[in-house]
Amino acid sequence: MTFQPKQSIDPVPPSAYPSFTPVTKPAPQMPGAWSATVLLHPFSPPLSTDPKPNNPFFS
């Protein structure tokens, strides 16, 4: 006996799908510098390439 699942029915009709078109204008200007806030997990082990880092985070 082989299992044949029922054909799934997509509730979104094809007419509602987005249409994709090529980009014809230039890319937007990117900022000269980026800034970010990074949170490190307080219990992360040191990297294997630097098992005793000189960093208070791993102290």
Foldseek 3Di string as FASTA:
>chain_A
DDDDDDDDDDPDDPVPDDDDDDDDDDDDDDDPDDDDDDDDDLPDQDDPVCNDDPDPSND
